């Protein structure tokens, strides 16, 4: 039972690190195209993330990113923003 809990904790820590890496990706404001990488750590979990952002018009952006963590998992996200 303890081994299962330890494995679950390692996966959770790695997942939190993955989300931290995604949130840490910097982008260049005002650019038509921007890319970045970010890293994350939480307890014994580590992760790396990469992403791109496209300004599709003067008032819209699209962002796509992915992370890989030390537990062998990956996460991906996509977002759209518009304004006036």
PDB file of N, CA and C in Angstrom:
ATOM      1  N   UNK A   1       0.821  -1.194   0.000  1.00  0.00           N
ATOM      2  CA  UNK A   1       0.000   0.000   0.000  1.00  0.00           C
ATOM      3  C   UNK A   1       0.870   1.265   0.000  1.00  0.00           C
ATOM      4  N   UNK A   2       1.940   1.251   0.803  1.00  0.00           N
ATOM      5  CA  UNK A   2       2.819   2.421   0.861  1.00  0.00           C
ATOM      6  C   UNK A   2       3.461   2.695  -0.493  1.00  0.00           C
ATOM      7  N   UNK A   3       3.837   1.644  -1.226  1.00  0.00           N
ATOM      8  CA  UNK A   3       4.438   1.831  -2.550  1.00  0.00           C
ATOM      9  C   UNK A   3       3.463   2.506  -3.510  1.00  0.00           C
ATOM     10  N   UNK A   4       2.203   2.126  -3.435  1.00  0.00           N
ATOM     11  CA  UNK A   4       1.188   2.742  -4.299  1.00  0.00           C
ATOM     12  C   UNK A   4       1.015   4.210  -3.956  1.00  0.00           C
ATOM     13  N   UNK A   5       1.003   4.525  -2.657  1.00  0.00           N
ATOM     14  CA  UNK A   5       0.875   5.921  -2.240  1.00  0.00           C
ATOM     15  C   UNK A   5       2.093   6.734  -2.669  1.00  0.00           C
ATOM     16  N   UNK A   6       3.280   6.161  -2.529  1.00  0.00           N
ATOM     17  CA  UNK A   6       4.501   6.854  -2.952  1.00  0.00           C
ATOM     18  C   UNK A   6       4.482   7.133  -4.453  1.00  0.00           C
ATOM     19  N   UNK A   7       4.047   6.157  -5.246  1.00  0.00           N
ATOM     20  CA  UNK A   7       3.970   6.336  -6.699  1.00  0.00           C
ATOM     21  C   UNK A   7       2.961   7.426  -7.050  1.00  0.00           C
ATOM     22  N   UNK A   8       1.814   7.412  -6.377  1.00  0.00           N
ATOM     23  CA  UNK A   8       0.796   8.430  -6.615  1.00  0.00           C
ATOM     24  C   UNK A   8       1.323   9.808  -6.257  1.00  0.00           C
ATOM     25  N   UNK A   9       2.029   9.910  -5.140  1.00  0.00           N
ATOM     26  CA  UNK A   9       2.593  11.199  -4.733  1.00  0.00           C
ATOM     27  C   UNK A   9       3.624  11.693  -5.750  1.00  0.00           C
ATOM     28  N   UNK A  10       4.477  10.814  -6.261  1.00  0.00           N
ATOM     29  CA  UNK A  10       5.460  11.208  -7.277  1.00  0.00           C
ATOM     30  C   UNK A  10       4.762  11.724  -8.540  1.00  0.00           C
ATOM     31  N   UNK A  11       3.699  11.044  -8.943  1.00  0.00           N
ATOM     32  CA  UNK A  11       2.959  11.481 -10.135  1.00  0.00           C
ATOM     33  C   UNK A  11       2.285  12.830  -9.906  1.00  0.00           C
ATOM     34  N   UNK A  12       1.711  13.024  -8.728  1.00  0.00           N
ATOM     35  CA  UNK A  12       1.081  14.308  -8.415  1.00  0.00           C
ATOM     36  C   UNK A  12       2.110  15.429  -8.385  1.00  0.00           C
ATOM     37  N   UNK A  13       3.246  15.187  -7.741  1.00  0.00           N
ATOM     38  CA  UNK A  13       4.296  16.202  -7.680  1.00  0.00           C
ATOM     39  C   UNK A  13       4.793  16.559  -9.078  1.00  0.00           C
ATOM     40  N   UNK A  14       4.954  15.557  -9.931  1.00  0.00           N
ATOM     41  CA  UNK A  14       5.393  15.805 -11.305  1.00  0.00           C
ATOM     42  C   UNK A  14       4.331  16.582 -12.078  1.00  0.00           C
ATOM     43  N   UNK A  15       3.065  16.257 -11.865  1.00  0.00           N
ATOM     44  CA  UNK A  15       1.982  16.975 -12.534  1.00  0.00           C
ATOM     45  C   UNK A  15       1.918  18.433 -12.125  1.00  0.00           C
ATOM     46  N   UNK A  16       2.104  18.704 -10.844  1.00  0.00           N
ATOM     47  CA  UNK A  16       2.138  20.091 -10.374  1.00  0.00           C
ATOM     48  C   UNK A  16       3.326  20.816 -10.999  1.00  0.00           C
ATOM     49  N   UNK A  17       4.468  20.143 -11.093  1.00  0.00           N
ATOM     50  CA  UNK A  17       5.634  20.735 -11.750  1.00  0.00           C
ATOM     51  C   UNK A  17       5.324  21.041 -13.215  1.00  0.00           C
ATOM     52  N   UNK A  18       4.562  20.165 -13.880  1.00  0.00           N
ATOM     53  CA  UNK A  18       4.189  20.387 -15.276  1.00  0.00           C
ATOM     54  C   UNK A  18       3.335  21.625 -15.460  1.00  0.00           C
ATOM     55  N   UNK A  19       2.374  21.817 -14.579  1.00  0.00           N
ATOM     56  CA  UNK A  19       1.522  23.002 -14.645  1.00  0.00           C
ATOM     57  C   UNK A  19       2.343  24.259 -14.358  1.00  0.00           C
ATOM     58  N   UNK A  20       3.271  24.162 -13.411  1.00  0.00           N
ATOM     59  CA  UNK A  20       4.154  25.287 -13.108  1.00  0.00           C
ATOM     60  C   UNK A  20       5.007  25.641 -14.324  1.00  0.00           C
ATOM     61  N   UNK A  21       5.519  24.633 -15.018  1.00  0.00           N
ATOM     62  CA  UNK A  21       6.326  24.879 -16.221  1.00  0.00           C
ATOM     63  C   UNK A  21       5.499  25.567 -17.304  1.00  0.00           C
ATOM     64  N   UNK A  22       4.255  25.120 -17.502  1.00  0.00           N
ATOM     65  CA  UNK A  22       3.383  25.750 -18.498  1.00  0.00           C
ATOM     66  C   UNK A  22       3.136  27.216 -18.160  1.00  0.00           C
ATOM     67  N   UNK A  23       2.878  27.489 -16.891  1.00  0.00           N
ATOM     68  CA  UNK A  23       2.593  28.858 -16.466  1.00  0.00           C
ATOM     69  C   UNK A  23       3.827  29.752 -16.520  1.00  0.00           C
ATOM     70  N   UNK A  24       5.009  29.173 -16.557  1.00  0.00           N
ATOM     71  CA  UNK A  24       6.253  29.945 -16.546  1.00  0.00           C
ATOM     72  C   UNK A  24       6.754  30.322 -17.936  1.00  0.00           C
ATOM     73  N   UNK A  25       6.090  29.891 -18.982  1.00  0.00           N
ATOM     74  CA  UNK A  25       6.547  30.207 -20.342  1.00  0.00           C
ATOM     75  C   UNK A  25       6.337  31.699 -20.602  1.00  0.00           C
ATOM     76  N   UNK A  26       7.413  32.434 -20.871  1.00  0.00           N
ATOM     77  CA  UNK A  26       7.249  33.849 -21.217  1.00  0.00           C
ATOM     78  C   UNK A  26       6.984  34.012 -22.718  1.00  0.00           C
ATOM     79  N   UNK A  27       6.213  35.025 -23.063  1.00  0.00           N
ATOM     80  CA  UNK A  27       5.950  35.355 -24.458  1.00  0.00           C
ATOM     81  C   UNK A  27       6.290  36.821 -24.674  1.00  0.00           C
ATOM     82  N   UNK A  28       6.590  37.194 -25.912  1.00  0.00           N
ATOM     83  CA  UNK A  28       6.959  38.565 -26.237  1.00  0.00           C
ATOM     84  C   UNK A  28       5.687  39.336 -26.600  1.00  0.00           C
ATOM     85  N   UNK A  29       5.285  40.308 -25.773  1.00  0.00           N
ATOM     86  CA  UNK A  29       4.061  41.066 -26.046  1.00  0.00           C
ATOM     87  C   UNK A  29       4.156  41.835 -27.368  1.00  0.00           C
ATOM     88  N   UNK A  30       3.067  41.884 -28.081  1.00  0.00           N
ATOM     89  CA  UNK A  30       2.997  42.654 -29.312  1.00  0.00           C
ATOM     90  C   UNK A  30       3.579  41.974 -30.535  1.00  0.00           C
ATOM     91  N   UNK A  31       4.193  40.822 -30.375  1.00  0.00           N
ATOM     92  CA  UNK A  31       4.773  40.100 -31.510  1.00  0.00           C
ATOM     93  C   UNK A  31       3.692  39.329 -32.255  1.00  0.00           C
ATOM     94  N   UNK A  32       3.865  39.185 -33.566  1.00  0.00           N
ATOM     95  CA  UNK A  32       2.950  38.369 -34.351  1.00  0.00           C
ATOM     96  C   UNK A  32       3.117  36.897 -34.005  1.00  0.00           C
ATOM     97  N   UNK A  33       4.361  36.492 -33.760  1.00  0.00           N
ATOM     98  CA  UNK A  33       4.664  35.111 -33.391  1.00  0.00           C
ATOM     99  C   UNK A  33       5.667  35.142 -32.249  1.00  0.00           C
ATOM    100  N   UNK A  34       5.423  34.341 -31.241  1.00  0.00           N
ATOM    101  CA  UNK A  34       6.328  34.272 -30.097  1.00  0.00           C
ATOM    102  C   UNK A  34       6.399  32.833 -29.627  1.00  0.00           C
ATOM    103  N   UNK A  35       7.556  32.428 -29.142  1.00  0.00           N
ATOM    104  CA  UNK A  35       7.717  31.080 -28.608  1.00  0.00           C
ATOM    105  C   UNK A  35       8.493  31.165 -27.303  1.00  0.00           C
ATOM    106  N   UNK A  36       8.370  30.140 -26.488  1.00  0.00           N
ATOM    107  CA  UNK A  36       9.100  30.143 -25.229  1.00  0.00           C
ATOM    108  C   UNK A  36       9.165  28.756 -24.619  1.00  0.00           C
ATOM    109  N   UNK A  37      10.025  28.647 -23.622  1.00  0.00           N
ATOM    110  CA  UNK A  37      10.118  27.419 -22.839  1.00  0.00           C
ATOM    111  C   UNK A  37      10.048  27.796 -21.370  1.00  0.00           C
ATOM    112  N   UNK A  38       9.610  26.865 -20.552  1.00  0.00           N
ATOM    113  CA  UNK A  38       9.532  27.079 -19.116  1.00  0.00           C
ATOM    114  C   UNK A  38       9.881  25.805 -18.378  1.00  0.00           C
ATOM    115  N   UNK A  39      10.316  25.963 -17.169  1.00  0.00           N
ATOM    116  CA  UNK A  39      10.638  24.820 -16.325  1.00  0.00           C
ATOM    117  C   UNK A  39       9.858  24.896 -15.033  1.00  0.00           C
ATOM    118  N   UNK A  40       9.641  23.755 -14.420  1.00  0.00           N
ATOM    119  CA  UNK A  40       8.922  23.722 -13.157  1.00  0.00           C
ATOM    120  C   UNK A  40       9.439  22.631 -12.250  1.00  0.00           C
ATOM    121  N   UNK A  41       9.293  22.861 -10.963  1.00  0.00           N
ATOM    122  CA  UNK A  41       9.691  21.893  -9.946  1.00  0.00           C
ATOM    123  C   UNK A  41       8.699  21.977  -8.804  1.00  0.00           C
ATOM    124  N   UNK A  42       8.313  20.828  -8.286  1.00  0.00           N
ATOM    125  CA  UNK A  42       7.505  20.766  -7.072  1.00  0.00           C
ATOM    126  C   UNK A  42       7.930  19.520  -6.312  1.00  0.00           C
ATOM    127  N   UNK A  43       8.468  19.731  -5.122  1.00  0.00           N
ATOM    128  CA  UNK A  43       9.017  18.647  -4.306  1.00  0.00           C
ATOM    129  C   UNK A  43       9.979  17.792  -5.119  1.00  0.00           C
ATOM    130  N   UNK A  44       9.666  16.529  -5.387  1.00  0.00           N
ATOM    131  CA  UNK A  44      10.581  15.687  -6.165  1.00  0.00           C
ATOM    132  C   UNK A  44      10.172  15.573  -7.633  1.00  0.00           C
ATOM    133  N   UNK A  45       9.247  16.420  -8.082  1.00  0.00           N
ATOM    134  CA  UNK A  45       8.806  16.401  -9.474  1.00  0.00           C
ATOM    135  C   UNK A  45       9.427  17.534 -10.274  1.00  0.00           C
ATOM    136  N   UNK A  46       9.771  17.266 -11.514  1.00  0.00           N
ATOM    137  CA  UNK A  46      10.357  18.249 -12.419  1.00  0.00           C
ATOM    138  C   UNK A  46       9.645  18.185 -13.759  1.00  0.00           C
ATOM    139  N   UNK A  47       9.667  19.311 -14.480  1.00  0.00           N
ATOM    140  CA  UNK A  47       9.010  19.337 -15.786  1.00  0.00           C
ATOM    141  C   UNK A  47       9.616  20.406 -16.674  1.00  0.00           C
ATOM    142  N   UNK A  48       9.429  20.224 -17.967  1.00  0.00           N
ATOM    143  CA  UNK A  48       9.835  21.171 -18.995  1.00  0.00           C
ATOM    144  C   UNK A  48       8.621  21.412 -19.886  1.00  0.00           C
ATOM    145  N   UNK A  49       8.438  22.657 -20.318  1.00  0.00           N
ATOM    146  CA  UNK A  49       7.304  22.995 -21.183  1.00  0.00           C
ATOM    147  C   UNK A  49       7.778  23.881 -22.329  1.00  0.00           C
ATOM    148  N   UNK A  50       7.055  23.837 -23.430  1.00  0.00           N
ATOM    149  CA  UNK A  50       7.322  24.689 -24.587  1.00  0.00           C
ATOM    150  C   UNK A  50       5.991  25.143 -25.167  1.00  0.00           C
ATOM    151  N   UNK A  51       6.003  26.325 -25.765  1.00  0.00           N
ATOM    152  CA  UNK A  51       4.766  26.820 -26.338  1.00  0.00           C
ATOM    153  C   UNK A  51       4.993  27.867 -27.402  1.00  0.00           C
ATOM    154  N   UNK A  52       3.948  28.130 -28.169  1.00  0.00           N
ATOM    155  CA  UNK A  52       3.949  29.174 -29.188  1.00  0.00           C
ATOM    156  C   UNK A  52       2.680  30.004 -29.042  1.00  0.00           C
ATOM    157  N   UNK A  53       2.797  31.262 -29.439  1.00  0.00           N
ATOM    158  CA  UNK A  53       1.651  32.162 -29.422  1.00  0.00           C
ATOM    159  C   UNK A  53       1.604  32.896 -30.758  1.00  0.00           C
ATOM    160  N   UNK A  54       0.420  32.951 -31.353  1.00  0.00           N
ATOM    161  CA  UNK A  54       0.216  33.641 -32.625  1.00  0.00           C
ATOM    162  C   UNK A  54      -0.772  34.784 -32.422  1.00  0.00           C
ATOM    163  N   UNK A  55      -0.417  35.965 -32.891  1.00  0.00           N
ATOM    164  CA  UNK A  55      -1.385  37.062 -32.934  1.00  0.00           C
ATOM    165  C   UNK A  55      -2.060  36.955 -34.292  1.00  0.00           C
ATOM    166  N   UNK A  56      -3.282  36.460 -34.295  1.00  0.00           N
ATOM    167  CA  UNK A  56      -3.984  36.192 -35.550  1.00  0.00           C
ATOM    168  C   UNK A  56      -4.600  37.444 -36.163  1.00  0.00           C
ATOM    169  N   UNK A  57      -4.827  38.467 -35.347  1.00  0.00           N
ATOM    170  CA  UNK A  57      -5.293  39.769 -35.831  1.00  0.00           C
ATOM    171  C   UNK A  57      -4.923  40.796 -34.764  1.00  0.00           C
ATOM    172  N   UNK A  58      -5.296  42.039 -34.990  1.00  0.00           N
ATOM    173  CA  UNK A  58      -4.965  43.085 -34.021  1.00  0.00           C
ATOM    174  C   UNK A  58      -5.631  42.852 -32.668  1.00  0.00           C
ATOM    175  N   UNK A  59      -6.687  42.052 -32.648  1.00  0.00           N
ATOM    176  CA  UNK A  59      -7.416  41.871 -31.390  1.00  0.00           C
ATOM    177  C   UNK A  59      -7.595  40.412 -30.969  1.00  0.00           C
ATOM    178  N   UNK A  60      -6.878  39.468 -31.597  1.00  0.00           N
ATOM    179  CA  UNK A  60      -7.007  38.056 -31.204  1.00  0.00           C
ATOM    180  C   UNK A  60      -5.640  37.369 -31.126  1.00  0.00           C
ATOM    181  N   UNK A  61      -5.525  36.447 -30.197  1.00  0.00           N
ATOM    182  CA  UNK A  61      -4.325  35.627 -30.005  1.00  0.00           C
ATOM    183  C   UNK A  61      -4.719  34.169 -29.852  1.00  0.00           C
ATOM    184  N   UNK A  62      -3.838  33.278 -30.307  1.00  0.00           N
ATOM    185  CA  UNK A  62      -3.984  31.839 -30.091  1.00  0.00           C
ATOM    186  C   UNK A  62      -2.687  31.350 -29.458  1.00  0.00           C
ATOM    187  N   UNK A  63      -2.797  30.496 -28.444  1.00  0.00           N
ATOM    188  CA  UNK A  63      -1.621  29.955 -27.767  1.00  0.00           C
ATOM    189  C   UNK A  63      -1.750  28.439 -27.676  1.00  0.00           C
ATOM    190  N   UNK A  64      -0.633  27.732 -27.942  1.00  0.00           N
ATOM    191  CA  UNK A  64      -0.566  26.270 -27.842  1.00  0.00           C
ATOM    192  C   UNK A  64       0.688  25.929 -27.048  1.00  0.00           C
ATOM    193  N   UNK A  65       0.558  25.036 -26.056  1.00  0.00           N
ATOM    194  CA  UNK A  65       1.730  24.655 -25.272  1.00  0.00           C
ATOM    195  C   UNK A  65       1.623  23.209 -24.806  1.00  0.00           C
ATOM    196  N   UNK A  66       2.784  22.655 -24.426  1.00  0.00           N
ATOM    197  CA  UNK A  66       2.850  21.264 -23.974  1.00  0.00           C
ATOM    198  C   UNK A  66       3.933  21.152 -22.911  1.00  0.00           C
ATOM    199  N   UNK A  67       3.724  20.242 -21.949  1.00  0.00           N
ATOM    200  CA  UNK A  67       4.748  19.995 -20.927  1.00  0.00           C
ATOM    201  C   UNK A  67       5.014  18.500 -20.814  1.00  0.00           C
ATOM    202  N   UNK A  68       6.225  18.190 -20.360  1.00  0.00           N
ATOM    203  CA  UNK A  68       6.648  16.811 -20.110  1.00  0.00           C
ATOM    204  C   UNK A  68       7.205  16.769 -18.703  1.00  0.00           C
ATOM    205  N   UNK A  69       6.806  15.756 -17.904  1.00  0.00           N
ATOM    206  CA  UNK A  69       7.260  15.726 -16.516  1.00  0.00           C
ATOM    207  C   UNK A  69       8.101  14.494 -16.197  1.00  0.00           C
ATOM    208  N   UNK A  70       8.665  14.502 -15.000  1.00  0.00           N
ATOM    209  CA  UNK A  70       9.597  13.456 -14.574  1.00  0.00           C
ATOM    210  C   UNK A  70       8.921  12.121 -14.295  1.00  0.00           C
ATOM    211  N   UNK A  71       7.587  12.076 -14.293  1.00  0.00           N
ATOM    212  CA  UNK A  71       6.870  10.815 -14.110  1.00  0.00           C
ATOM    213  C   UNK A  71       6.502  10.191 -15.456  1.00  0.00           C
ATOM    214  N   UNK A  72       6.961  10.804 -16.554  1.00  0.00           N
ATOM    215  CA  UNK A  72       6.685  10.254 -17.875  1.00  0.00           C
ATOM    216  C   UNK A  72       5.364  10.691 -18.470  1.00  0.00           C
ATOM    217  N   UNK A  73       4.730  11.689 -17.895  1.00  0.00           N
ATOM    218  CA  UNK A  73       3.450  12.176 -18.400  1.00  0.00           C
ATOM    219  C   UNK A  73       3.653  13.445 -19.213  1.00  0.00           C
ATOM    220  N   UNK A  74       2.657  13.776 -20.009  1.00  0.00           N
ATOM    221  CA  UNK A  74       2.666  15.042 -20.729  1.00  0.00           C
ATOM    222  C   UNK A  74       1.296  15.690 -20.580  1.00  0.00           C
ATOM    223  N   UNK A  75       1.291  17.006 -20.759  1.00  0.00           N
ATOM    224  CA  UNK A  75       0.043  17.766 -20.714  1.00  0.00           C
ATOM    225  C   UNK A  75       0.094  18.772 -21.849  1.00  0.00           C
ATOM    226  N   UNK A  76      -1.054  19.086 -22.410  1.00  0.00           N
ATOM    227  CA  UNK A  76      -1.109  20.050 -23.501  1.00  0.00           C
ATOM    228  C   UNK A  76      -2.254  21.013 -23.256  1.00  0.00           C
ATOM    229  N   UNK A  77      -2.092  22.209 -23.778  1.00  0.00           N
ATOM    230  CA  UNK A  77      -3.137  23.207 -23.639  1.00  0.00           C
ATOM    231  C   UNK A  77      -3.217  24.069 -24.882  1.00  0.00           C
ATOM    232  N   UNK A  78      -4.386  24.609 -25.125  1.00  0.00           N
ATOM    233  CA  UNK A  78      -4.596  25.547 -26.214  1.00  0.00           C
ATOM    234  C   UNK A  78      -5.546  26.621 -25.700  1.00  0.00           C
ATOM    235  N   UNK A  79      -5.303  27.855 -26.108  1.00  0.00           N
ATOM    236  CA  UNK A  79      -6.153  28.946 -25.657  1.00  0.00           C
ATOM    237  C   UNK A  79      -6.359  29.972 -26.758  1.00  0.00           C
ATOM    238  N   UNK A  80      -7.438  30.705 -26.651  1.00  0.00           N
ATOM    239  CA  UNK A  80      -7.782  31.761 -27.595  1.00  0.00           C
ATOM    240  C   UNK A  80      -8.202  32.972 -26.791  1.00  0.00           C
ATOM    241  N   UNK A  81      -7.756  34.145 -27.209  1.00  0.00           N
ATOM    242  CA  UNK A  81      -8.161  35.381 -26.537  1.00  0.00           C
ATOM    243  C   UNK A  81      -8.542  36.414 -27.581  1.00  0.00           C
ATOM    244  N   UNK A  82      -9.551  37.182 -27.265  1.00  0.00           N
ATOM    245  CA  UNK A  82      -9.972  38.274 -28.127  1.00  0.00           C
ATOM    246  C   UNK A  82     -10.294  39.495 -27.285  1.00  0.00           C
ATOM    247  N   UNK A  83     -10.184  40.637 -27.855  1.00  0.00           N
ATOM    248  CA  UNK A  83     -10.481  41.867 -27.121  1.00  0.00           C
ATOM    249  C   UNK A  83     -10.841  42.988 -28.070  1.00  0.00           C
ATOM    250  N   UNK A  84     -11.300  44.067 -27.504  1.00  0.00           N
ATOM    251  CA  UNK A  84     -11.613  45.244 -28.308  1.00  0.00           C
ATOM    252  C   UNK A  84     -11.351  46.474 -27.500  1.00  0.00           C
TER     253      UNK A  84
END
